[in-house]
Amino acid sequence: MWGEYDSPGCSVREITVEGTHNGEWCGVAGTGRRVKFHVAVLYLFGKDDTSGKLMAERLYFDNQTVMKQISGDAEAASVPNFVTAKKTLVK
């Protein structure tokens, strides 16, 4: 995890996923190629009576980055690394 951001009702985490494409992904059989991509995850919490209760989790990433890597059009090493960040948006 290289990014961590919290505000009332929402918590965001930014992570980098790395691995080997061994199984099917979007209809493409495993290639054995290395993949690396960044993901943003939003955790949404309730208000009032549901305060503190996790209501939804949403993940965002660039699937084109993954597809280029598993097809051999890009290398996992071409994806930049990010420095660790921990921030509080609202206190």
N, C-alpha and C. Protein backbone atom coordinates (compact mmCIF):
# COMPACT_ATOMS: atom_id res chain seq x y z
N MET A 1 0.86 -1.17 0.00
CA MET A 1 0.00 0.00 0.00
C MET A 1 0.90 1.23 0.00
N TRP A 2 0.64 2.14 -0.91
CA TRP A 2 1.46 3.35 -0.99
C TRP A 2 0.65 4.62 -0.81
N GLY A 3 -0.64 4.51 -0.68
CA GLY A 3 -1.47 5.68 -0.43
C GLY A 3 -2.60 5.33 0.52
N GLU A 4 -2.83 6.19 1.50
CA GLU A 4 -3.85 5.96 2.51
C GLU A 4 -4.50 7.30 2.83
N TYR A 5 -5.81 7.41 2.59
CA TYR A 5 -6.51 8.68 2.77
C TYR A 5 -7.83 8.42 3.48
N ASP A 6 -8.11 9.17 4.53
CA ASP A 6 -9.33 8.97 5.29
C ASP A 6 -10.08 10.28 5.47
N SER A 7 -11.40 10.22 5.34
CA SER A 7 -12.28 11.34 5.64
C SER A 7 -13.58 10.75 6.17
N PRO A 8 -14.43 11.54 6.80
CA PRO A 8 -15.68 10.98 7.32
C PRO A 8 -16.48 10.29 6.22
N GLY A 9 -16.82 9.03 6.44
CA GLY A 9 -17.64 8.29 5.49
C GLY A 9 -16.88 7.61 4.38
N CYS A 10 -15.58 7.85 4.26
CA CYS A 10 -14.84 7.25 3.15
C CYS A 10 -13.37 7.03 3.53
N SER A 11 -12.87 5.88 3.14
CA SER A 11 -11.46 5.57 3.33
C SER A 11 -10.94 5.06 2.00
N VAL A 12 -9.80 5.59 1.56
CA VAL A 12 -9.22 5.23 0.26
C VAL A 12 -7.85 4.60 0.48
N ARG A 13 -7.59 3.52 -0.24
CA ARG A 13 -6.28 2.88 -0.21
C ARG A 13 -5.79 2.73 -1.65
N GLU A 14 -4.53 3.05 -1.85
CA GLU A 14 -3.90 2.86 -3.15
C GLU A 14 -2.85 1.77 -3.01
N ILE A 15 -2.91 0.77 -3.88
CA ILE A 15 -2.00 -0.35 -3.80
C ILE A 15 -1.44 -0.68 -5.18
N THR A 16 -0.36 -1.43 -5.18
CA THR A 16 0.20 -1.96 -6.42
C THR A 16 0.06 -3.47 -6.37
N VAL A 17 -0.48 -4.04 -7.43
CA VAL A 17 -0.65 -5.49 -7.54
C VAL A 17 0.41 -6.00 -8.50
N GLU A 18 1.14 -7.03 -8.10
CA GLU A 18 2.14 -7.66 -8.95
C GLU A 18 1.94 -9.17 -8.91
N GLY A 19 2.15 -9.82 -10.03
CA GLY A 19 2.01 -11.26 -10.05
C GLY A 19 2.32 -11.82 -11.42
N THR A 20 1.96 -13.08 -11.59
CA THR A 20 2.16 -13.79 -12.85
C THR A 20 0.81 -14.17 -13.42
N HIS A 21 0.62 -13.94 -14.68
CA HIS A 21 -0.64 -14.25 -15.35
C HIS A 21 -0.68 -15.76 -15.65
N ASN A 22 -1.22 -16.52 -14.69
CA ASN A 22 -1.29 -17.98 -14.85
C ASN A 22 -2.67 -18.49 -15.24
N GLY A 23 -3.70 -17.74 -14.89
CA GLY A 23 -5.07 -18.17 -15.19
C GLY A 23 -5.73 -17.22 -16.17
N GLU A 24 -6.96 -17.55 -16.57
CA GLU A 24 -7.68 -16.73 -17.53
C GLU A 24 -7.96 -15.34 -16.96
N TRP A 25 -7.78 -14.32 -17.79
CA TRP A 25 -8.11 -12.94 -17.44
C TRP A 25 -8.75 -12.31 -18.66
N CYS A 26 -10.01 -11.93 -18.53
CA CYS A 26 -10.75 -11.29 -19.63
C CYS A 26 -10.70 -12.14 -20.90
N GLY A 27 -10.82 -13.45 -20.74
CA GLY A 27 -10.85 -14.34 -21.89
C GLY A 27 -9.49 -14.75 -22.44
N VAL A 28 -8.41 -14.26 -21.84
CA VAL A 28 -7.06 -14.61 -22.30
C VAL A 28 -6.49 -15.68 -21.36
N ALA A 29 -6.14 -16.84 -21.92
CA ALA A 29 -5.57 -17.92 -21.13
C ALA A 29 -4.23 -17.48 -20.54
N GLY A 30 -3.85 -18.10 -19.43
CA GLY A 30 -2.59 -17.77 -18.76
C GLY A 30 -1.40 -17.78 -19.71
N THR A 31 -0.56 -16.76 -19.57
CA THR A 31 0.61 -16.61 -20.45
C THR A 31 1.92 -16.81 -19.71
N GLY A 32 1.88 -16.78 -18.37
CA GLY A 32 3.11 -16.86 -17.59
C GLY A 32 3.87 -15.55 -17.53
N ARG A 33 3.30 -14.48 -18.13
CA ARG A 33 3.97 -13.17 -18.10
C ARG A 33 3.74 -12.47 -16.77
N ARG A 34 4.70 -11.68 -16.35
CA ARG A 34 4.58 -10.86 -15.14
C ARG A 34 3.65 -9.68 -15.43
N VAL A 35 2.85 -9.32 -14.43
CA VAL A 35 1.97 -8.15 -14.53
C VAL A 35 2.14 -7.29 -13.29
N LYS A 36 1.92 -5.99 -13.47
CA LYS A 36 1.99 -5.03 -12.38
C LYS A 36 1.04 -3.90 -12.72
N PHE A 37 0.17 -3.54 -11.77
CA PHE A 37 -0.75 -2.43 -12.00
C PHE A 37 -1.17 -1.83 -10.67
N HIS A 38 -1.65 -0.60 -10.72
CA HIS A 38 -2.07 0.12 -9.53
C HIS A 38 -3.59 0.04 -9.39
N VAL A 39 -4.03 0.01 -8.14
CA VAL A 39 -5.46 -0.09 -7.83
C VAL A 39 -5.80 0.95 -6.77
N ALA A 40 -6.94 1.60 -6.94
CA ALA A 40 -7.49 2.48 -5.91
C ALA A 40 -8.75 1.80 -5.37
N VAL A 41 -8.82 1.69 -4.05
CA VAL A 41 -9.96 1.04 -3.39
C VAL A 41 -10.64 2.06 -2.50
N LEU A 42 -11.94 2.23 -2.68
CA LEU A 42 -12.73 3.13 -1.84
C LEU A 42 -13.61 2.30 -0.93
N TYR A 43 -13.55 2.58 0.36
CA TYR A 43 -14.43 1.95 1.34
C TYR A 43 -15.41 3.03 1.80
N LEU A 44 -16.68 2.79 1.55
CA LEU A 44 -17.72 3.78 1.88
C LEU A 44 -18.50 3.31 3.11
N PHE A 45 -18.60 4.21 4.10
CA PHE A 45 -19.25 3.88 5.35
C PHE A 45 -20.57 4.63 5.49
N GLY A 46 -21.48 4.04 6.27
CA GLY A 46 -22.80 4.61 6.46
C GLY A 46 -22.79 5.86 7.34
N LYS A 47 -23.97 6.48 7.41
CA LYS A 47 -24.17 7.67 8.23
C LYS A 47 -25.27 7.39 9.24
N ASP A 48 -25.35 8.22 10.25
CA ASP A 48 -26.40 8.14 11.27
C ASP A 48 -26.49 6.73 11.88
N ASP A 49 -27.61 6.02 11.66
CA ASP A 49 -27.82 4.70 12.26
C ASP A 49 -26.81 3.66 11.78
N THR A 50 -26.26 3.85 10.61
CA THR A 50 -25.30 2.88 10.05
C THR A 50 -23.87 3.40 10.12
N SER A 51 -23.65 4.41 10.93
CA SER A 51 -22.33 5.01 11.08
C SER A 51 -21.31 3.93 11.47
N GLY A 52 -20.20 3.91 10.78
CA GLY A 52 -19.15 2.94 11.04
C GLY A 52 -19.34 1.63 10.33
N LYS A 53 -20.50 1.42 9.72
CA LYS A 53 -20.75 0.17 9.00
C LYS A 53 -20.29 0.31 7.55
N LEU A 54 -19.53 -0.66 7.07
CA LEU A 54 -19.08 -0.66 5.68
C LEU A 54 -20.27 -0.90 4.77
N MET A 55 -20.57 0.06 3.90
CA MET A 55 -21.72 -0.04 3.01
C MET A 55 -21.33 -0.51 1.60
N ALA A 56 -20.11 -0.16 1.18
CA ALA A 56 -19.69 -0.53 -0.18
C ALA A 56 -18.18 -0.49 -0.28
N GLU A 57 -17.66 -1.28 -1.20
CA GLU A 57 -16.24 -1.28 -1.53
C GLU A 57 -16.16 -1.16 -3.05
N ARG A 58 -15.35 -0.22 -3.53
CA ARG A 58 -15.21 -0.01 -4.98
C ARG A 58 -13.75 -0.04 -5.36
N LEU A 59 -13.43 -0.77 -6.42
CA LEU A 59 -12.05 -0.89 -6.89
C LEU A 59 -11.94 -0.27 -8.28
N TYR A 60 -10.88 0.48 -8.48
CA TYR A 60 -10.64 1.12 -9.78
C TYR A 60 -9.21 0.82 -10.22
N PHE A 61 -9.07 0.39 -11.47
CA PHE A 61 -7.75 0.15 -12.04
C PHE A 61 -7.84 0.23 -13.56
N ASP A 62 -6.69 0.33 -14.21
CA ASP A 62 -6.62 0.45 -15.66
C ASP A 62 -6.43 -0.94 -16.27
N ASN A 63 -7.50 -1.56 -16.74
CA ASN A 63 -7.42 -2.90 -17.31
C ASN A 63 -6.57 -2.92 -18.58
N GLN A 64 -6.49 -1.82 -19.30
CA GLN A 64 -5.67 -1.77 -20.51
C GLN A 64 -4.20 -2.01 -20.18
N THR A 65 -3.74 -1.51 -19.03
CA THR A 65 -2.38 -1.75 -18.59
C THR A 65 -2.14 -3.25 -18.42
N VAL A 66 -3.09 -3.94 -17.79
CA VAL A 66 -2.98 -5.38 -17.59
C VAL A 66 -2.99 -6.11 -18.94
N MET A 67 -3.92 -5.75 -19.80
CA MET A 67 -4.05 -6.43 -21.10
C MET A 67 -2.79 -6.27 -21.95
N LYS A 68 -2.18 -5.09 -21.93
CA LYS A 68 -0.94 -4.88 -22.69
C LYS A 68 0.17 -5.77 -22.16
N GLN A 69 0.22 -5.94 -20.85
CA GLN A 69 1.27 -6.77 -20.26
C GLN A 69 1.07 -8.25 -20.58
N ILE A 70 -0.16 -8.74 -20.49
CA ILE A 70 -0.37 -10.17 -20.75
C ILE A 70 -0.27 -10.51 -22.24
N SER A 71 -0.44 -9.49 -23.09
CA SER A 71 -0.30 -9.74 -24.53
C SER A 71 1.14 -9.58 -25.00
N GLY A 72 2.01 -9.05 -24.12
CA GLY A 72 3.41 -8.87 -24.49
C GLY A 72 3.70 -7.51 -25.10
N ASP A 73 2.71 -6.61 -25.17
CA ASP A 73 2.92 -5.27 -25.74
C ASP A 73 3.57 -4.31 -24.75
N ALA A 74 3.65 -4.69 -23.46
CA ALA A 74 4.29 -3.86 -22.43
C ALA A 74 4.88 -4.79 -21.38
N GLU A 75 5.87 -4.29 -20.67
CA GLU A 75 6.50 -5.06 -19.60
C GLU A 75 6.00 -4.57 -18.24
N ALA A 76 5.89 -5.49 -17.29
CA ALA A 76 5.48 -5.11 -15.93
C ALA A 76 6.44 -4.07 -15.36
N ALA A 77 7.71 -4.16 -15.72
CA ALA A 77 8.72 -3.22 -15.20
C ALA A 77 8.48 -1.80 -15.68
N SER A 78 7.64 -1.61 -16.71
CA SER A 78 7.37 -0.25 -17.22
C SER A 78 6.41 0.53 -16.33
N VAL A 79 5.75 -0.15 -15.39
CA VAL A 79 4.81 0.52 -14.49
C VAL A 79 5.62 1.15 -13.35
N PRO A 80 5.45 2.46 -13.13
CA PRO A 80 6.26 3.16 -12.12
C PRO A 80 5.91 2.73 -10.70
N ASN A 81 6.88 2.86 -9.81
CA ASN A 81 6.66 2.66 -8.38
C ASN A 81 6.30 4.00 -7.77
N PHE A 82 5.50 3.98 -6.72
CA PHE A 82 5.12 5.19 -6.02
C PHE A 82 5.65 5.15 -4.60
N VAL A 83 5.94 6.31 -4.06
CA VAL A 83 6.40 6.38 -2.67
C VAL A 83 5.21 6.23 -1.74
N THR A 84 5.47 5.80 -0.54
CA THR A 84 4.42 5.61 0.45
C THR A 84 3.87 6.97 0.90
N ALA A 85 2.56 7.05 1.00
CA ALA A 85 1.92 8.29 1.46
C ALA A 85 0.81 7.91 2.45
N LYS A 86 0.73 8.65 3.51
CA LYS A 86 -0.37 8.49 4.46
C LYS A 86 -0.88 9.88 4.79
N LYS A 87 -2.14 10.11 4.46
CA LYS A 87 -2.71 11.44 4.64
C LYS A 87 -4.09 11.36 5.25
N THR A 88 -4.42 12.32 6.04
CA THR A 88 -5.78 12.48 6.56
C THR A 88 -6.37 13.69 5.88
N LEU A 89 -7.48 13.47 5.16
CA LEU A 89 -8.09 14.57 4.40
C LEU A 89 -8.86 15.50 5.30
N VAL A 90 -9.58 14.96 6.27
CA VAL A 90 -10.37 15.77 7.19
C VAL A 90 -10.18 15.20 8.58
N LYS A 91 -9.91 16.08 9.53
CA LYS A 91 -9.75 15.61 10.92
C LYS A 91 -11.01 15.78 11.69
